Amino acid sequence: MKKIFLLLLILLMVSGCGSDDKESNSIGKDKLVIGIDESFAPMGFRNESGELVGFDVDLAKEAARRLGVAIEFKSIDWDKKEAEITSGNVDIIWNGCDITDEYKEYMIFSKPYMDNRQILMVKKGNPNEIQSEYDLAGKIVATQAGSNSEDYINNNESLKESFAAFKTYRNVQDGFKALTNGEYDVLIIDEIAARYEMILSPRTFEIIEATIGPVTEFGIGFRKDNVELRDKVQGVFDDMIRDGTAKKISEQWFQADLIKLKRK
């Protein structure tokens, strides 16, 4: 009888440890699937070796490590992110995602962690002498499909009608290539992406210091019913800010601490 009692006690202890372990992983699942536009440098992109790298990629990997879960990055069409997140194909959108009223209709967000604005990019030498959005009349203007800047242009009919044409590109790399080939006169683009591309191609492009539309903030997006996951990711992100890890990752990619949240 004593042997049976001891066996039951051991089984209960093992079972309890397993339960605690799962709870320590904290999200009730073994893996987080994160949706990204894998050509959005420097937030998340493939390097020359085909490896997925980037600022948001590094932040997400560290957050997953602290949560004790595996992580899978899934490349998505940015214009279809609503379907990806609401269908459950991805758990999180973490890739330079603007916090906007439109996105809040189908996502909840972390605290904003970085400021973002849309600026203009042209070919080196600025052949059309563009200095602001008032110089876009008669020009072929392009921006990324599904972006905050596309919404801004579509909501400003008089501005849009002044363009010779308004086009969208699937991802920023397509946009850079099309601008190089003369398919567009000017890109409206995230400042972060534009400045990183200038490091890589300083003789190809030129940035016009003009803010297009409102300045926005980047946040981590979750399904509306996934408040618990949002809060747990926010918790480890707050820890990353407090202990300086987020600052270190920012400095590796931008040579500056661009993290928005204050350290406590």
Protein backbone atom coordinates (compact mmCIF):
# COMPACT_ATOMS: atom_id res chain seq x y z
CA MET A 1 0.00 0.00 0.00
CA LYS A 2 2.87 2.33 0.87
CA LYS A 3 4.44 1.65 -2.53
CA ILE A 4 1.20 2.55 -4.32
CA PHE A 5 0.90 5.75 -2.25
CA LEU A 6 4.48 6.75 -3.05
CA LEU A 7 3.94 6.08 -6.76
CA LEU A 8 0.83 8.24 -6.80
CA LEU A 9 2.68 11.00 -4.97
CA ILE A 10 5.53 10.94 -7.50
CA LEU A 11 3.05 11.05 -10.41
CA LEU A 12 1.28 14.02 -8.87
CA MET A 13 4.58 15.84 -8.37
CA VAL A 14 5.66 15.21 -11.98
CA SER A 15 2.25 16.29 -13.25
CA GLY A 16 2.43 19.42 -11.14
CA CYS A 17 5.87 20.30 -12.43
CA GLY A 18 4.67 19.90 -16.00
CA SER A 19 1.73 22.17 -15.35
CA ASP A 20 3.97 24.81 -13.80
CA ASP A 21 6.31 24.56 -16.78
CA LYS A 22 3.49 25.17 -19.21
CA GLU A 23 2.35 28.12 -17.14
CA SER A 24 5.91 29.47 -17.08
CA ASN A 25 5.74 29.45 -20.88
CA SER A 26 2.81 31.70 -20.10
CA ILE A 27 0.84 31.67 -23.34
CA GLY A 28 -0.63 28.15 -23.32
CA LYS A 29 0.91 27.15 -26.65
CA ASP A 30 4.27 25.93 -27.86
CA LYS A 31 4.79 28.40 -30.71
CA LEU A 32 3.99 31.96 -31.72
CA VAL A 33 3.44 32.71 -35.42
CA ILE A 34 4.41 36.26 -36.31
CA GLY A 35 3.30 37.84 -39.58
CA ILE A 36 5.83 40.04 -41.35
CA ASP A 37 6.54 41.68 -44.68
CA GLU A 38 9.93 40.07 -45.15
CA SER A 39 11.20 42.78 -47.49
CA PHE A 40 10.68 45.68 -45.07
CA ALA A 41 14.26 46.55 -44.16
CA PRO A 42 15.40 47.23 -41.53
CA MET A 43 12.39 45.97 -39.57
CA GLY A 44 12.33 42.47 -41.08
CA PHE A 45 13.99 41.27 -44.29
CA ARG A 46 16.14 38.61 -45.94
CA ASN A 47 19.84 39.38 -46.01
CA GLU A 48 22.24 38.32 -48.77
CA SER A 49 22.47 34.85 -47.24
CA GLY A 50 18.69 34.46 -47.22
CA GLU A 51 18.55 34.72 -43.44
CA LEU A 52 15.61 36.60 -41.91
CA VAL A 53 17.00 39.53 -39.93
CA GLY A 54 15.88 42.94 -38.74
CA PHE A 55 15.10 45.21 -35.83
CA ASP A 56 11.59 43.85 -35.17
CA VAL A 57 12.81 40.30 -35.82
CA ASP A 58 15.39 40.68 -33.04
CA LEU A 59 12.84 42.21 -30.66
CA ALA A 60 10.36 39.40 -31.35
CA LYS A 61 12.97 36.66 -30.91
CA GLU A 62 13.98 38.06 -27.54
CA ALA A 63 10.36 38.41 -26.41
CA ALA A 64 9.64 34.80 -27.40
CA ARG A 65 12.76 33.60 -25.58
CA ARG A 66 11.59 35.31 -22.41
CA LEU A 67 8.11 33.84 -22.81
CA GLY A 68 9.69 30.40 -23.21
CA VAL A 69 8.07 29.62 -26.57
CA ALA A 70 9.24 28.84 -30.07
CA ILE A 71 8.72 31.42 -32.79
CA GLU A 72 7.83 31.18 -36.47
CA PHE A 73 7.96 34.14 -38.83
CA LYS A 74 5.41 33.94 -41.64
CA SER A 75 5.75 36.13 -44.72
CA ILE A 76 2.44 37.82 -45.53
CA ASP A 77 1.08 40.20 -48.11
CA TRP A 78 0.91 43.44 -46.12
CA ASP A 79 -2.27 44.45 -47.93
CA LYS A 80 -3.94 41.28 -46.61
CA LYS A 81 -2.84 41.46 -42.99
CA GLU A 82 -6.43 41.80 -41.76
CA ALA A 83 -7.31 38.37 -43.16
CA GLU A 84 -4.09 36.87 -41.80
CA ILE A 85 -4.62 38.03 -38.23
CA THR A 86 -8.41 37.57 -37.99
CA SER A 87 -8.30 34.07 -39.50
CA GLY A 88 -5.68 32.93 -37.00
CA ASN A 89 -3.04 32.26 -39.67
CA VAL A 90 -0.74 34.43 -37.57
CA ASP A 91 -0.86 35.26 -33.87
CA ILE A 92 0.90 38.62 -34.06
CA ILE A 93 1.68 41.34 -36.59
CA TRP A 94 5.12 42.64 -35.62
CA ASN A 95 6.80 44.45 -38.48
CA GLY A 96 6.64 48.22 -38.33
CA CYS A 97 2.85 48.26 -38.09
CA ASP A 98 1.29 51.71 -37.69
CA ILE A 99 -1.33 52.09 -34.97
CA THR A 100 -4.30 53.55 -36.85
CA ASP A 101 -8.06 53.76 -36.28
CA GLU A 102 -8.59 51.52 -39.31
CA TYR A 103 -6.31 48.79 -37.95
CA LYS A 104 -7.93 49.06 -34.52
CA GLU A 105 -11.15 47.80 -36.10
CA TYR A 106 -9.65 44.31 -36.27
CA MET A 107 -6.55 44.41 -34.01
CA ILE A 108 -5.54 45.42 -30.53
CA PHE A 109 -2.09 46.88 -30.01
CA SER A 110 0.78 46.98 -27.59
CA LYS A 111 1.94 50.33 -26.31
CA PRO A 112 3.56 52.28 -29.16
CA TYR A 113 7.30 51.61 -29.21
CA MET A 114 8.55 53.85 -32.04
CA ASP A 115 7.47 56.98 -33.89
CA ASN A 116 7.01 56.81 -37.65
CA ARG A 117 6.37 59.28 -40.44
CA GLN A 118 5.93 59.08 -44.19
CA ILE A 119 8.42 61.02 -46.32
CA LEU A 120 9.29 61.37 -50.01
CA MET A 121 12.02 59.54 -51.89
CA VAL A 122 13.18 60.37 -55.41
CA LYS A 123 16.04 59.51 -57.72
CA LYS A 124 19.41 61.04 -56.90
CA GLY A 125 19.52 64.63 -58.11
CA ASN A 126 15.76 65.12 -57.67
CA PRO A 127 15.13 65.66 -61.43
CA ASN A 128 11.53 66.83 -60.86
CA GLU A 129 12.56 69.31 -58.14
CA ILE A 130 10.05 67.93 -55.64
CA GLN A 131 10.19 69.54 -52.21
CA SER A 132 6.77 68.87 -50.67
CA GLU A 133 3.39 67.27 -51.37
CA TYR A 134 2.44 70.49 -53.17
CA ASP A 135 4.96 69.59 -55.88
CA LEU A 136 3.34 66.21 -56.60
CA ALA A 137 0.79 67.57 -59.08
CA GLY A 138 1.32 65.99 -62.47
CA LYS A 139 3.70 63.37 -61.07
CA ILE A 140 3.45 59.58 -60.93
CA VAL A 141 3.26 58.91 -57.19
CA ALA A 142 3.49 55.53 -55.49
CA THR A 143 3.26 54.05 -52.01
CA GLN A 144 2.98 50.59 -50.47
CA ALA A 145 -0.38 48.84 -50.72
CA GLY A 146 -2.09 48.59 -47.35
CA SER A 147 0.04 51.33 -45.81
CA ASN A 148 -0.93 54.35 -43.75
CA SER A 149 0.18 56.63 -46.60
CA GLU A 150 -2.16 54.89 -49.05
CA ASP A 151 -5.05 55.63 -46.68
CA TYR A 152 -3.94 59.26 -46.40
CA ILE A 153 -3.86 59.76 -50.17
CA ASN A 154 -7.17 57.96 -50.74
CA ASN A 155 -8.78 60.19 -48.12
CA ASN A 156 -7.49 63.37 -49.81
CA GLU A 157 -9.23 63.32 -53.17
CA SER A 158 -8.07 66.75 -54.32
CA LEU A 159 -4.43 65.80 -53.73
CA LYS A 160 -4.86 62.41 -55.38
CA GLU A 161 -6.61 63.88 -58.43
CA SER A 162 -3.68 66.25 -58.97
CA PHE A 163 -1.33 63.30 -59.62
CA ALA A 164 -0.64 62.09 -63.13
CA ALA A 165 -1.14 58.62 -61.61
CA PHE A 166 -1.26 57.02 -58.19
CA LYS A 167 0.14 53.50 -57.91
CA THR A 168 0.95 51.05 -55.17
CA TYR A 169 3.76 48.54 -54.79
CA ARG A 170 3.54 45.22 -52.93
CA ASN A 171 6.61 45.79 -50.76
CA VAL A 172 9.31 48.41 -50.34
CA GLN A 173 11.90 46.53 -52.38
CA ASP A 174 9.51 46.50 -55.33
CA GLY A 175 9.07 50.23 -54.79
CA PHE A 176 12.80 50.94 -54.84
CA LYS A 177 13.26 48.85 -57.97
CA ALA A 178 10.41 50.59 -59.80
CA LEU A 179 11.72 54.03 -58.82
CA THR A 180 15.16 53.08 -60.13
CA ASN A 181 13.57 51.95 -63.41
CA GLY A 182 11.66 55.23 -63.78
CA GLU A 183 8.20 53.70 -63.30
CA TYR A 184 7.41 56.32 -60.63
CA ASP A 185 8.53 59.89 -60.11
CA VAL A 186 8.38 59.72 -56.33
CA LEU A 187 7.74 57.27 -53.51
CA ILE A 188 5.84 58.01 -50.34
CA ILE A 189 7.54 55.71 -47.85
CA ASP A 190 8.21 55.01 -44.18
CA GLU A 191 11.13 57.12 -43.01
CA ILE A 192 12.75 54.15 -41.27
CA ALA A 193 12.82 52.11 -44.50
CA ALA A 194 13.96 55.08 -46.60
CA ARG A 195 16.87 55.98 -44.35
CA TYR A 196 18.07 52.39 -44.17
CA GLU A 197 17.98 52.16 -47.98
CA MET A 198 20.01 55.37 -48.20
CA ILE A 199 22.77 53.64 -46.23
CA LEU A 200 22.78 50.86 -48.83
CA SER A 201 22.25 52.99 -51.97
CA PRO A 202 23.43 56.55 -51.30
CA ARG A 203 24.15 57.21 -54.99
CA THR A 204 20.78 55.98 -56.22
CA PHE A 205 18.15 57.81 -54.18
CA GLU A 206 17.52 61.03 -52.35
CA ILE A 207 15.24 61.78 -49.42
CA ILE A 208 13.00 64.84 -49.41
CA GLU A 209 12.47 66.10 -45.87
CA ALA A 210 8.71 66.51 -46.14
CA THR A 211 6.23 64.78 -43.83
CA ILE A 212 3.27 63.33 -45.73
CA GLY A 213 0.17 62.84 -43.61
CA PRO A 214 0.15 62.48 -39.83
CA VAL A 215 3.07 61.18 -37.80
CA THR A 216 2.12 57.75 -36.51
CA GLU A 217 3.48 55.19 -34.07
CA PHE A 218 4.54 51.59 -34.47
CA GLY A 219 2.89 48.94 -32.31
CA ILE A 220 2.61 45.16 -32.06
CA GLY A 221 -0.76 43.94 -33.36
CA PHE A 222 -2.89 41.09 -31.96
CA ARG A 223 -6.34 39.65 -32.64
CA LYS A 224 -9.04 41.54 -30.76
CA ASP A 225 -9.88 38.56 -28.57
CA ASN A 226 -6.24 37.91 -27.65
CA VAL A 227 -5.90 40.40 -24.81
CA GLU A 228 -4.05 37.92 -22.59
CA LEU A 229 -1.34 37.31 -25.20
CA ARG A 230 -1.02 41.06 -25.83
CA ASP A 231 -0.54 41.71 -22.12
CA LYS A 232 2.05 38.95 -21.69
CA VAL A 233 4.08 40.12 -24.68
CA GLN A 234 3.85 43.67 -23.38
CA GLY A 235 5.12 42.49 -20.01
CA VAL A 236 8.31 40.96 -21.40
CA PHE A 237 8.78 43.94 -23.75
CA ASP A 238 8.59 46.27 -20.76
CA ASP A 239 11.28 44.15 -19.09
CA MET A 240 13.43 44.42 -22.23
CA ILE A 241 13.17 48.19 -22.01
CA ARG A 242 13.92 48.32 -18.29
CA ASP A 243 17.04 46.15 -18.53
CA GLY A 244 18.40 47.93 -21.63
CA THR A 245 17.99 45.04 -24.09
CA ALA A 246 15.63 46.97 -26.38
CA LYS A 247 18.00 49.94 -26.36
CA LYS A 248 20.90 47.68 -27.33
CA ILE A 249 18.94 46.17 -30.25
CA SER A 250 17.93 49.65 -31.45
CA GLU A 251 21.52 50.86 -31.37
CA GLN A 252 22.64 47.83 -33.38
CA TRP A 253 20.24 48.72 -36.20
CA PHE A 254 19.98 52.52 -36.05
CA GLN A 255 23.06 53.66 -34.13
CA ALA A 256 20.58 55.36 -31.79
CA ASP A 257 18.00 54.47 -29.15
CA LEU A 258 14.69 54.99 -30.96
CA ILE A 259 12.56 53.04 -28.50
CA LYS A 260 9.66 55.26 -27.54
CA LEU A 261 8.66 53.91 -24.12
CA LYS A 262 10.25 55.41 -21.05
CA ARG A 263 12.35 53.27 -18.76
CA LYS A 264 11.14 52.97 -15.19
